[in-house]
Every structure is written in structure tokens, then in C-alpha cells.
PDB file of all heavy atoms in Angstrom:
ATOM      1  N   THR A   1     -38.857 -30.546  38.071  1.00  0.00           N
ATOM      2  CA  THR A   1     -39.281 -31.541  39.031  1.00  0.00           C
ATOM      3  C   THR A   1     -40.716 -31.593  39.056  1.00  0.00           C
ATOM      4  O   THR A   1     -41.361 -32.645  38.963  1.00  0.00           O
ATOM      5  CB  THR A   1     -38.754 -31.317  40.424  1.00  0.00           C
ATOM      6  OG1 THR A   1     -37.270 -31.487  40.390  1.00  0.00           O
ATOM      7  CG2 THR A   1     -39.215 -32.372  41.454  1.00  0.00           C
ATOM      8  N   ALA A   2     -41.292 -30.463  39.028  1.00  0.00           N
ATOM      9  CA  ALA A   2     -42.802 -30.416  39.103  1.00  0.00           C
ATOM     10  C   ALA A   2     -43.372 -30.648  37.760  1.00  0.00           C
ATOM     11  O   ALA A   2     -44.378 -31.410  37.566  1.00  0.00           O
ATOM     12  CB  ALA A   2     -43.120 -28.844  39.441  1.00  0.00           C
ATOM     13  N   ALA A   3     -42.681 -30.390  36.640  1.00  0.00           N
ATOM     14  CA  ALA A   3     -43.198 -30.644  35.199  1.00  0.00           C
ATOM     15  C   ALA A   3     -43.258 -32.049  35.012  1.00  0.00           C
ATOM     16  O   ALA A   3     -44.131 -32.603  34.334  1.00  0.00           O
ATOM     17  CB  ALA A   3     -42.337 -30.011  34.246  1.00  0.00           C
ATOM     18  N   PHE A   4     -42.224 -32.889  35.533  1.00  0.00           N
ATOM     19  CA  PHE A   4     -42.275 -34.300  35.482  1.00  0.00           C
ATOM     20  C   PHE A   4     -43.255 -34.912  36.329  1.00  0.00           C
ATOM     21  O   PHE A   4     -43.417 -36.162  36.354  1.00  0.00           O
ATOM     22  CB  PHE A   4     -40.850 -34.887  35.655  1.00  0.00           C
ATOM     23  CG  PHE A   4     -40.029 -34.723  34.546  1.00  0.00           C
ATOM     24  CD1 PHE A   4     -38.901 -33.917  34.641  1.00  0.00           C
ATOM     25  CD2 PHE A   4     -40.215 -35.401  33.393  1.00  0.00           C
ATOM     26  CE1 PHE A   4     -37.965 -33.767  33.610  1.00  0.00           C
ATOM     27  CE2 PHE A   4     -39.322 -35.329  32.292  1.00  0.00           C
ATOM     28  CZ  PHE A   4     -38.080 -34.494  32.444  1.00  0.00           C
ATOM     29  N   GLY A   5     -43.900 -34.203  37.241  1.00  0.00           N
ATOM     30  CA  GLY A   5     -44.958 -34.680  38.150  1.00  0.00           C
ATOM     31  C   GLY A   5     -44.439 -35.478  39.254  1.00  0.00           C
ATOM     32  O   GLY A   5     -45.058 -36.217  39.955  1.00  0.00           O
ATOM     33  N   LEU A   6     -43.077 -35.269  39.552  1.00  0.00           N
ATOM     34  CA  LEU A   6     -42.493 -36.191  40.738  1.00  0.00           C
ATOM     35  C   LEU A   6     -43.101 -35.948  42.135  1.00  0.00           C
ATOM     36  O   LEU A   6     -43.318 -36.935  42.815  1.00  0.00           O
ATOM     37  CB  LEU A   6     -41.021 -36.051  40.664  1.00  0.00           C
ATOM     38  CG  LEU A   6     -40.171 -36.554  39.373  1.00  0.00           C
ATOM     39  CD1 LEU A   6     -38.633 -36.446  39.661  1.00  0.00           C
ATOM     40  CD2 LEU A   6     -40.467 -37.875  39.064  1.00  0.00           C
ATOM     41  N   PRO A   7     -43.261 -34.688  42.368  1.00  0.00           N
ATOM     42  CA  PRO A   7     -43.952 -34.494  43.759  1.00  0.00           C
ATOM     43  C   PRO A   7     -45.277 -35.217  43.989  1.00  0.00           C
ATOM     44  O   PRO A   7     -45.475 -35.787  45.042  1.00  0.00           O
ATOM     45  CB  PRO A   7     -44.046 -32.899  43.950  1.00  0.00           C
ATOM     46  CG  PRO A   7     -43.008 -32.400  42.917  1.00  0.00           C
ATOM     47  CD  PRO A   7     -42.942 -33.391  41.841  1.00  0.00           C
ATOM     48  N   ASN A   8     -46.149 -35.116  43.118  1.00  0.00           N
ATOM     49  CA  ASN A   8     -47.413 -35.800  43.119  1.00  0.00           C
ATOM     50  C   ASN A   8     -47.278 -37.241  42.982  1.00  0.00           C
ATOM     51  O   ASN A   8     -48.057 -37.992  43.763  1.00  0.00           O
ATOM     52  CB  ASN A   8     -48.403 -35.248  42.025  1.00  0.00           C
ATOM     53  CG  ASN A   8     -48.677 -33.760  42.300  1.00  0.00           C
ATOM     54  OD1 ASN A   8     -48.734 -33.253  43.459  1.00  0.00           O
ATOM     55  ND2 ASN A   8     -49.199 -33.028  41.257  1.00  0.00           N
ATOM     56  N   GLN A   9     -46.363 -37.832  42.247  1.00  0.00           N
ATOM     57  CA  GLN A   9     -46.214 -39.221  42.090  1.00  0.00           C
ATOM     58  C   GLN A   9     -45.783 -39.776  43.357  1.00  0.00           C
ATOM     59  O   GLN A   9     -46.260 -40.875  43.817  1.00  0.00           O
ATOM     60  CB  GLN A   9     -45.293 -39.510  40.891  1.00  0.00           C
ATOM     61  CG  GLN A   9     -45.827 -39.189  39.454  1.00  0.00           C
ATOM     62  CD  GLN A   9     -44.687 -39.414  38.480  1.00  0.00           C
ATOM     63  OE1 GLN A   9     -43.808 -40.194  38.721  1.00  0.00           O
ATOM     64  NE2 GLN A   9     -44.966 -38.719  37.363  1.00  0.00           N
ATOM     65  N   VAL A  10     -44.824 -39.158  43.971  1.00  0.00           N
ATOM     66  CA  VAL A  10     -44.256 -39.730  45.253  1.00  0.00           C
ATOM     67  C   VAL A  10     -45.297 -39.622  46.401  1.00  0.00           C
ATOM     68  O   VAL A  10     -45.544 -40.641  47.108  1.00  0.00           O
ATOM     69  CB  VAL A  10     -42.856 -38.998  45.629  1.00  0.00           C
ATOM     70  CG1 VAL A  10     -42.503 -39.329  47.089  1.00  0.00           C
ATOM     71  CG2 VAL A  10     -41.940 -39.216  44.570  1.00  0.00           C
ATOM     72  N   LEU A  11     -45.955 -38.514  46.490  1.00  0.00           N
ATOM     73  CA  LEU A  11     -46.886 -38.396  47.480  1.00  0.00           C
ATOM     74  C   LEU A  11     -48.027 -39.381  47.262  1.00  0.00           C
ATOM     75  O   LEU A  11     -48.679 -39.932  48.202  1.00  0.00           O
ATOM     76  CB  LEU A  11     -47.461 -36.997  47.639  1.00  0.00           C
ATOM     77  CG  LEU A  11     -48.421 -36.707  48.792  1.00  0.00           C
ATOM     78  CD1 LEU A  11     -47.726 -36.957  50.097  1.00  0.00           C
ATOM     79  CD2 LEU A  11     -48.974 -35.367  48.722  1.00  0.00           C
ATOM     80  N   GLY A  12     -48.550 -39.612  45.931  1.00  0.00           N
ATOM     81  CA  GLY A  12     -49.602 -40.558  45.609  1.00  0.00           C
ATOM     82  C   GLY A  12     -49.101 -41.955  46.120  1.00  0.00           C
ATOM     83  O   GLY A  12     -50.049 -42.747  46.597  1.00  0.00           O
ATOM     84  N   ARG A  13     -47.942 -42.317  45.896  1.00  0.00           N
ATOM     85  CA  ARG A  13     -47.419 -43.668  46.241  1.00  0.00           C
ATOM     86  C   ARG A  13     -47.399 -43.827  47.812  1.00  0.00           C
ATOM     87  O   ARG A  13     -47.891 -44.689  48.238  1.00  0.00           O
ATOM     88  CB  ARG A  13     -45.931 -43.869  45.748  1.00  0.00           C
ATOM     89  CG  ARG A  13     -45.360 -45.142  46.270  1.00  0.00           C
ATOM     90  CD  ARG A  13     -44.116 -45.535  45.435  1.00  0.00           C
ATOM     91  NE  ARG A  13     -43.197 -44.438  45.323  1.00  0.00           N
ATOM     92  CZ  ARG A  13     -42.296 -44.190  46.187  1.00  0.00           C
ATOM     93  NH1 ARG A  13     -42.241 -44.837  47.364  1.00  0.00           N
ATOM     94  NH2 ARG A  13     -41.297 -43.305  45.986  1.00  0.00           N
ATOM     95  N   LEU A  14     -46.997 -42.716  48.471  1.00  0.00           N
ATOM     96  CA  LEU A  14     -47.048 -42.800  50.023  1.00  0.00           C
ATOM     97  C   LEU A  14     -48.285 -42.861  50.455  1.00  0.00           C
ATOM     98  O   LEU A  14     -48.518 -43.457  51.641  1.00  0.00           O
ATOM     99  CB  LEU A  14     -46.205 -41.603  50.555  1.00  0.00           C
ATOM    100  CG  LEU A  14     -44.705 -41.515  50.243  1.00  0.00           C
ATOM    101  CD1 LEU A  14     -44.095 -40.382  50.819  1.00  0.00           C
ATOM    102  CD2 LEU A  14     -43.977 -42.877  50.764  1.00  0.00           C
ATOM    103  N   ILE A  15     -49.392 -42.109  49.895  1.00  0.00           N
ATOM    104  CA  ILE A  15     -50.797 -42.143  50.341  1.00  0.00           C
ATOM    105  C   ILE A  15     -51.264 -43.565  50.088  1.00  0.00           C
ATOM    106  O   ILE A  15     -52.005 -44.160  50.946  1.00  0.00           O
ATOM    107  CB  ILE A  15     -51.549 -41.076  49.578  1.00  0.00           C
ATOM    108  CG1 ILE A  15     -51.196 -39.686  50.123  1.00  0.00           C
ATOM    109  CG2 ILE A  15     -53.053 -41.371  49.766  1.00  0.00           C
ATOM    110  CD1 ILE A  15     -51.909 -38.589  49.284  1.00  0.00           C
ATOM    111  N   GLY A  16     -50.889 -44.178  48.963  1.00  0.00           N
ATOM    112  CA  GLY A  16     -51.251 -45.475  48.644  1.00  0.00           C
ATOM    113  C   GLY A  16     -50.750 -46.510  49.664  1.00  0.00           C
ATOM    114  O   GLY A  16     -51.434 -47.389  50.203  1.00  0.00           O
ATOM    115  N   GLU A  17     -49.479 -46.397  50.120  1.00  0.00           N
ATOM    116  CA  GLU A  17     -48.946 -47.135  51.230  1.00  0.00           C
ATOM    117  C   GLU A  17     -49.736 -46.865  52.561  1.00  0.00           C
ATOM    118  O   GLU A  17     -50.042 -47.740  53.302  1.00  0.00           O
ATOM    119  CB  GLU A  17     -47.450 -46.787  51.400  1.00  0.00           C
ATOM    120  CG  GLU A  17     -46.528 -47.117  50.343  1.00  0.00           C
ATOM    121  CD  GLU A  17     -45.076 -46.790  50.590  1.00  0.00           C
ATOM    122  OE1 GLU A  17     -44.806 -46.200  51.734  1.00  0.00           O
ATOM    123  OE2 GLU A  17     -44.152 -47.049  49.732  1.00  0.00           O
ATOM    124  N   GLY A  18     -49.972 -45.641  52.780  1.00  0.00           N
ATOM    125  CA  GLY A  18     -50.683 -45.314  53.992  1.00  0.00           C
ATOM    126  C   GLY A  18     -52.029 -45.991  54.153  1.00  0.00           C
ATOM    127  O   GLY A  18     -52.505 -46.325  55.144  1.00  0.00           O
ATOM    128  N   SER A  19     -52.710 -46.001  53.017  1.00  0.00           N
ATOM    129  CA  SER A  19     -54.111 -46.744  52.997  1.00  0.00           C
ATOM    130  C   SER A  19     -54.024 -48.101  53.308  1.00  0.00           C
ATOM    131  O   SER A  19     -54.833 -48.674  54.179  1.00  0.00           O
ATOM    132  CB  SER A  19     -54.748 -46.528  51.630  1.00  0.00           C
ATOM    133  OG  SER A  19     -54.077 -47.269  50.712  1.00  0.00           O
ATOM    134  N   LEU A  20     -52.951 -48.808  52.821  1.00  0.00           N
ATOM    135  CA  LEU A  20     -52.676 -50.193  53.309  1.00  0.00           C
ATOM    136  C   LEU A  20     -52.309 -50.367  54.724  1.00  0.00           C
ATOM    137  O   LEU A  20     -52.650 -51.397  55.344  1.00  0.00           O
ATOM    138  CB  LEU A  20     -51.738 -50.909  52.329  1.00  0.00           C
ATOM    139  CG  LEU A  20     -52.166 -50.868  50.743  1.00  0.00           C
ATOM    140  CD1 LEU A  20     -51.014 -51.549  49.910  1.00  0.00           C
ATOM    141  CD2 LEU A  20     -53.448 -51.566  50.638  1.00  0.00           C
ATOM    142  N   ASN A  21     -51.403 -49.466  55.024  1.00  0.00           N
ATOM    143  CA  ASN A  21     -50.997 -49.532  56.483  1.00  0.00           C
ATOM    144  C   ASN A  21     -52.156 -49.364  57.441  1.00  0.00           C
ATOM    145  O   ASN A  21     -52.215 -49.914  58.511  1.00  0.00           O
ATOM    146  CB  ASN A  21     -49.934 -48.298  56.793  1.00  0.00           C
ATOM    147  CG  ASN A  21     -48.685 -48.487  56.043  1.00  0.00           C
ATOM    148  OD1 ASN A  21     -48.337 -49.795  55.782  1.00  0.00           O
ATOM    149  ND2 ASN A  21     -47.802 -47.505  55.932  1.00  0.00           N
ATOM    150  N   ASP A  22     -53.114 -48.517  57.046  1.00  0.00           N
ATOM    151  CA  ASP A  22     -54.321 -48.209  57.902  1.00  0.00           C
ATOM    152  C   ASP A  22     -55.098 -49.514  58.007  1.00  0.00           C
ATOM    153  O   ASP A  22     -55.637 -49.763  58.953  1.00  0.00           O
ATOM    154  CB  ASP A  22     -55.025 -47.059  57.372  1.00  0.00           C
ATOM    155  CG  ASP A  22     -56.073 -46.424  58.290  1.00  0.00           C
ATOM    156  OD1 ASP A  22     -55.732 -45.774  59.318  1.00  0.00           O
ATOM    157  OD2 ASP A  22     -57.247 -46.934  58.303  1.00  0.00           O
ATOM    158  N   LEU A  23     -55.241 -49.988  56.765  1.00  0.00           N
ATOM    159  CA  LEU A  23     -55.993 -51.275  56.832  1.00  0.00           C
ATOM    160  C   LEU A  23     -55.445 -52.404  57.630  1.00  0.00           C
ATOM    161  O   LEU A  23     -56.115 -53.221  58.423  1.00  0.00           O
ATOM    162  CB  LEU A  23     -56.183 -51.794  55.433  1.00  0.00           C
ATOM    163  CG  LEU A  23     -57.054 -53.035  55.183  1.00  0.00           C
ATOM    164  CD1 LEU A  23     -58.414 -52.888  55.613  1.00  0.00           C
ATOM    165  CD2 LEU A  23     -57.075 -53.598  53.584  1.00  0.00           C
ATOM    166  N   ALA A  24     -54.102 -52.522  57.508  1.00  0.00           N
ATOM    167  CA  ALA A  24     -53.444 -53.623  58.307  1.00  0.00           C
ATOM    168  C   ALA A  24     -53.554 -53.314  59.742  1.00  0.00           C
ATOM    169  O   ALA A  24     -53.697 -54.215  60.593  1.00  0.00           O
ATOM    170  CB  ALA A  24     -51.914 -53.522  57.921  1.00  0.00           C
ATOM    171  N   ARG A  25     -53.624 -52.026  60.233  1.00  0.00           N
ATOM    172  CA  ARG A  25     -53.821 -51.607  61.599  1.00  0.00           C
ATOM    173  C   ARG A  25     -55.212 -52.122  62.003  1.00  0.00           C
ATOM    174  O   ARG A  25     -55.328 -52.594  63.072  1.00  0.00           O
ATOM    175  CB  ARG A  25     -53.600 -50.082  61.837  1.00  0.00           C
ATOM    176  CG  ARG A  25     -53.596 -49.752  63.256  1.00  0.00           C
ATOM    177  CD  ARG A  25     -53.502 -48.344  63.452  1.00  0.00           C
ATOM    178  NE  ARG A  25     -52.160 -47.863  63.029  1.00  0.00           N
ATOM    179  CZ  ARG A  25     -51.889 -47.187  61.795  1.00  0.00           C
ATOM    180  NH1 ARG A  25     -52.926 -46.806  61.070  1.00  0.00           N
ATOM    181  NH2 ARG A  25     -50.778 -46.899  61.518  1.00  0.00           N
ATOM    182  N   ARG A  26     -56.138 -51.865  61.214  1.00  0.00           N
ATOM    183  CA  ARG A  26     -57.477 -52.282  61.546  1.00  0.00           C
ATOM    184  C   ARG A  26     -57.729 -53.778  61.635  1.00  0.00           C
ATOM    185  O   ARG A  26     -58.534 -54.197  62.441  1.00  0.00           O
ATOM    186  CB  ARG A  26     -58.603 -51.645  60.568  1.00  0.00           C
ATOM    187  CG  ARG A  26     -58.754 -50.152  60.903  1.00  0.00           C
ATOM    188  CD  ARG A  26     -59.957 -49.704  59.979  1.00  0.00           C
ATOM    189  NE  ARG A  26     -59.455 -49.390  58.530  1.00  0.00           N
ATOM    190  CZ  ARG A  26     -60.264 -49.200  57.504  1.00  0.00           C
ATOM    191  NH1 ARG A  26     -61.523 -49.469  57.624  1.00  0.00           N
ATOM    192  NH2 ARG A  26     -59.812 -48.846  56.245  1.00  0.00           N
ATOM    193  N   PHE A  27     -56.985 -54.450  60.829  1.00  0.00           N
ATOM    194  CA  PHE A  27     -57.043 -55.981  60.969  1.00  0.00           C
ATOM    195  C   PHE A  27     -56.117 -56.487  62.058  1.00  0.00           C
ATOM    196  O   PHE A  27     -56.010 -57.611  62.216  1.00  0.00           O
ATOM    197  CB  PHE A  27     -56.575 -56.504  59.600  1.00  0.00           C
ATOM    198  CG  PHE A  27     -57.443 -56.462  58.489  1.00  0.00           C
ATOM    199  CD1 PHE A  27     -57.262 -56.778  57.179  1.00  0.00           C
ATOM    200  CD2 PHE A  27     -58.929 -55.991  58.676  1.00  0.00           C
ATOM    201  CE1 PHE A  27     -58.014 -56.766  56.180  1.00  0.00           C
ATOM    202  CE2 PHE A  27     -59.668 -55.865  57.654  1.00  0.00           C
ATOM    203  CZ  PHE A  27     -59.371 -56.322  56.382  1.00  0.00           C
ATOM    204  N   ASN A  28     -55.441 -55.574  62.838  1.00  0.00           N
ATOM    205  CA  ASN A  28     -54.612 -56.009  63.860  1.00  0.00           C
ATOM    206  C   ASN A  28     -53.381 -56.892  63.427  1.00  0.00           C
ATOM    207  O   ASN A  28     -52.982 -57.755  63.906  1.00  0.00           O
ATOM    208  CB  ASN A  28     -55.246 -56.688  65.008  1.00  0.00           C
ATOM    209  CG  ASN A  28     -56.207 -55.707  65.707  1.00  0.00           C
ATOM    210  OD1 ASN A  28     -55.831 -54.572  66.081  1.00  0.00           O
ATOM    211  ND2 ASN A  28     -57.398 -56.337  65.983  1.00  0.00           N
ATOM    212  N   MET A  29     -52.921 -56.567  62.085  1.00  0.00           N
ATOM    213  CA  MET A  29     -51.719 -57.360  61.543  1.00  0.00           C
ATOM    214  C   MET A  29     -50.429 -56.750  62.156  1.00  0.00           C
ATOM    215  O   MET A  29     -50.378 -55.529  62.438  1.00  0.00           O
ATOM    216  CB  MET A  29     -51.751 -57.213  60.086  1.00  0.00           C
ATOM    217  CG  MET A  29     -53.035 -57.789  59.314  1.00  0.00           C
ATOM    218  SD  MET A  29     -52.887 -57.660  57.607  1.00  0.00           S
ATOM    219  CE  MET A  29     -51.511 -58.709  57.198  1.00  0.00           C
ATOM    220  N   GLY A  30     -49.539 -57.715  62.288  1.00  0.00           N
ATOM    221  CA  GLY A  30     -48.249 -57.210  62.717  1.00  0.00           C
ATOM    222  C   GLY A  30     -47.221 -58.186  62.388  1.00  0.00           C
ATOM    223  O   GLY A  30     -47.438 -59.114  61.600  1.00  0.00           O
ATOM    224  N   LEU A  31     -46.060 -58.071  62.963  1.00  0.00           N
ATOM    225  CA  LEU A  31     -44.801 -58.903  62.647  1.00  0.00           C
ATOM    226  C   LEU A  31     -44.101 -59.090  63.995  1.00  0.00           C
ATOM    227  O   LEU A  31     -43.785 -58.003  64.676  1.00  0.00           O
ATOM    228  CB  LEU A  31     -43.978 -58.319  61.558  1.00  0.00           C
ATOM    229  CG  LEU A  31     -42.895 -59.256  60.878  1.00  0.00           C
ATOM    230  CD1 LEU A  31     -43.633 -60.273  60.061  1.00  0.00           C
ATOM    231  CD2 LEU A  31     -42.055 -58.356  60.077  1.00  0.00           C
ATOM    232  N   SER A  32     -43.814 -60.395  64.236  1.00  0.00           N
ATOM    233  CA  SER A  32     -43.205 -60.549  65.592  1.00  0.00           C
ATOM    234  C   SER A  32     -41.789 -59.901  65.541  1.00  0.00           C
ATOM    235  O   SER A  32     -41.177 -60.004  64.376  1.00  0.00           O
ATOM    236  CB  SER A  32     -43.111 -62.059  65.852  1.00  0.00           C
ATOM    237  OG  SER A  32     -42.072 -62.734  64.883  1.00  0.00           O
ATOM    238  N   PRO A  33     -41.237 -59.583  66.674  1.00  0.00           N
ATOM    239  CA  PRO A  33     -39.816 -59.068  66.677  1.00  0.00           C
ATOM    240  C   PRO A  33     -38.879 -60.041  66.026  1.00  0.00           C
ATOM    241  O   PRO A  33     -37.831 -59.682  65.443  1.00  0.00           O
ATOM    242  CB  PRO A  33     -39.543 -58.822  68.142  1.00  0.00           C
ATOM    243  CG  PRO A  33     -40.781 -58.593  68.792  1.00  0.00           C
ATOM    244  CD  PRO A  33     -41.879 -59.526  68.004  1.00  0.00           C
ATOM    245  N   THR A  34     -39.092 -61.323  66.239  1.00  0.00           N
ATOM    246  CA  THR A  34     -38.215 -62.457  65.767  1.00  0.00           C
ATOM    247  C   THR A  34     -38.127 -62.490  64.220  1.00  0.00           C
ATOM    248  O   THR A  34     -37.139 -62.424  63.565  1.00  0.00           O
ATOM    249  CB  THR A  34     -38.623 -63.728  66.207  1.00  0.00           C
ATOM    250  OG1 THR A  34     -38.521 -63.793  67.591  1.00  0.00           O
ATOM    251  CG2 THR A  34     -37.618 -64.874  65.712  1.00  0.00           C
ATOM    252  N   GLU A  35     -39.367 -62.320  63.511  1.00  0.00           N
ATOM    253  CA  GLU A  35     -39.525 -62.348  62.164  1.00  0.00           C
ATOM    254  C   GLU A  35     -38.934 -61.203  61.525  1.00  0.00           C
ATOM    255  O   GLU A  35     -38.337 -61.116  60.360  1.00  0.00           O
ATOM    256  CB  GLU A  35     -40.942 -62.641  61.833  1.00  0.00           C
ATOM    257  CG  GLU A  35     -41.437 -64.057  62.044  1.00  0.00           C
ATOM    258  CD  GLU A  35     -40.663 -65.140  61.215  1.00  0.00           C
ATOM    259  OE1 GLU A  35     -40.412 -64.823  59.984  1.00  0.00           O
ATOM    260  OE2 GLU A  35     -40.315 -66.058  61.752  1.00  0.00           O
ATOM    261  N   LEU A  36     -39.214 -59.958  62.212  1.00  0.00           N
ATOM    262  CA  LEU A  36     -38.735 -58.801  61.632  1.00  0.00           C
ATOM    263  C   LEU A  36     -37.232 -58.691  61.705  1.00  0.00           C
ATOM    264  O   LEU A  36     -36.591 -58.257  60.765  1.00  0.00           O
ATOM    265  CB  LEU A  36     -39.329 -57.492  62.515  1.00  0.00           C
ATOM    266  CG  LEU A  36     -38.858 -56.146  62.089  1.00  0.00           C
ATOM    267  CD1 LEU A  36     -39.199 -55.890  60.762  1.00  0.00           C
ATOM    268  CD2 LEU A  36     -39.349 -55.144  63.109  1.00  0.00           C
ATOM    269  N   ALA A  37     -36.641 -59.186  62.797  1.00  0.00           N
ATOM    270  CA  ALA A  37     -35.214 -59.221  62.847  1.00  0.00           C
ATOM    271  C   ALA A  37     -34.636 -60.190  61.734  1.00  0.00           C
ATOM    272  O   ALA A  37     -33.625 -59.822  61.134  1.00  0.00           O
ATOM    273  CB  ALA A  37     -34.676 -59.785  64.315  1.00  0.00           C
ATOM    274  N   LYS A  38     -35.313 -61.250  61.557  1.00  0.00           N
ATOM    275  CA  LYS A  38     -34.848 -62.182  60.455  1.00  0.00           C
ATOM    276  C   LYS A  38     -34.874 -61.538  59.059  1.00  0.00           C
ATOM    277  O   LYS A  38     -34.048 -61.614  58.261  1.00  0.00           O
ATOM    278  CB  LYS A  38     -35.656 -63.440  60.480  1.00  0.00           C
ATOM    279  CG  LYS A  38     -35.294 -64.543  59.587  1.00  0.00           C
ATOM    280  CD  LYS A  38     -36.274 -65.690  59.587  1.00  0.00           C
ATOM    281  CE  LYS A  38     -36.458 -66.342  60.911  1.00  0.00           C
ATOM    282  NZ  LYS A  38     -37.315 -67.527  60.865  1.00  0.00           N
ATOM    283  N   SER A  39     -35.980 -60.825  58.852  1.00  0.00           N
ATOM    284  CA  SER A  39     -36.082 -60.025  57.640  1.00  0.00           C
ATOM    285  C   SER A  39     -35.028 -59.012  57.392  1.00  0.00           C
ATOM    286  O   SER A  39     -34.465 -58.955  56.322  1.00  0.00           O
ATOM    287  CB  SER A  39     -37.514 -59.409  57.529  1.00  0.00           C
ATOM    288  OG  SER A  39     -37.529 -58.639  56.414  1.00  0.00           O
ATOM    289  N   ILE A  40     -34.749 -58.292  58.461  1.00  0.00           N
ATOM    290  CA  ILE A  40     -33.697 -57.249  58.391  1.00  0.00           C
ATOM    291  C   ILE A  40     -32.361 -57.848  58.075  1.00  0.00           C
ATOM    292  O   ILE A  40     -31.473 -57.263  57.356  1.00  0.00           O
ATOM    293  CB  ILE A  40     -33.680 -56.388  59.662  1.00  0.00           C
ATOM    294  CG1 ILE A  40     -34.969 -55.506  59.655  1.00  0.00           C
ATOM    295  CG2 ILE A  40     -32.450 -55.380  59.726  1.00  0.00           C
ATOM    296  CD1 ILE A  40     -35.198 -54.784  60.814  1.00  0.00           C
TER     297      ILE A  40
END
């Protein structure tokens, strides 16, 4: 698992997601409960 680099790849992806989540929070972006329910 380590030799294939999976731990770092997965954490890198989640850190990338986290950076965008943080930016969205600073922009006060969100989704209304109605739209979220529709998506789900």
C-alpha cells in the first residue's frame, strides 16, 4: 500500500478538497437545504 503511494495520494486529494472547501467558506458559498435535498 505504501509502495504504491496510496496513503499520500489519498491524503493529497483530501488536502486539495480542503483547500477548495476553505476558499468556499471564505466566499460564504453554500447550498440551500432545498437544493441539497434535490441533489441527494
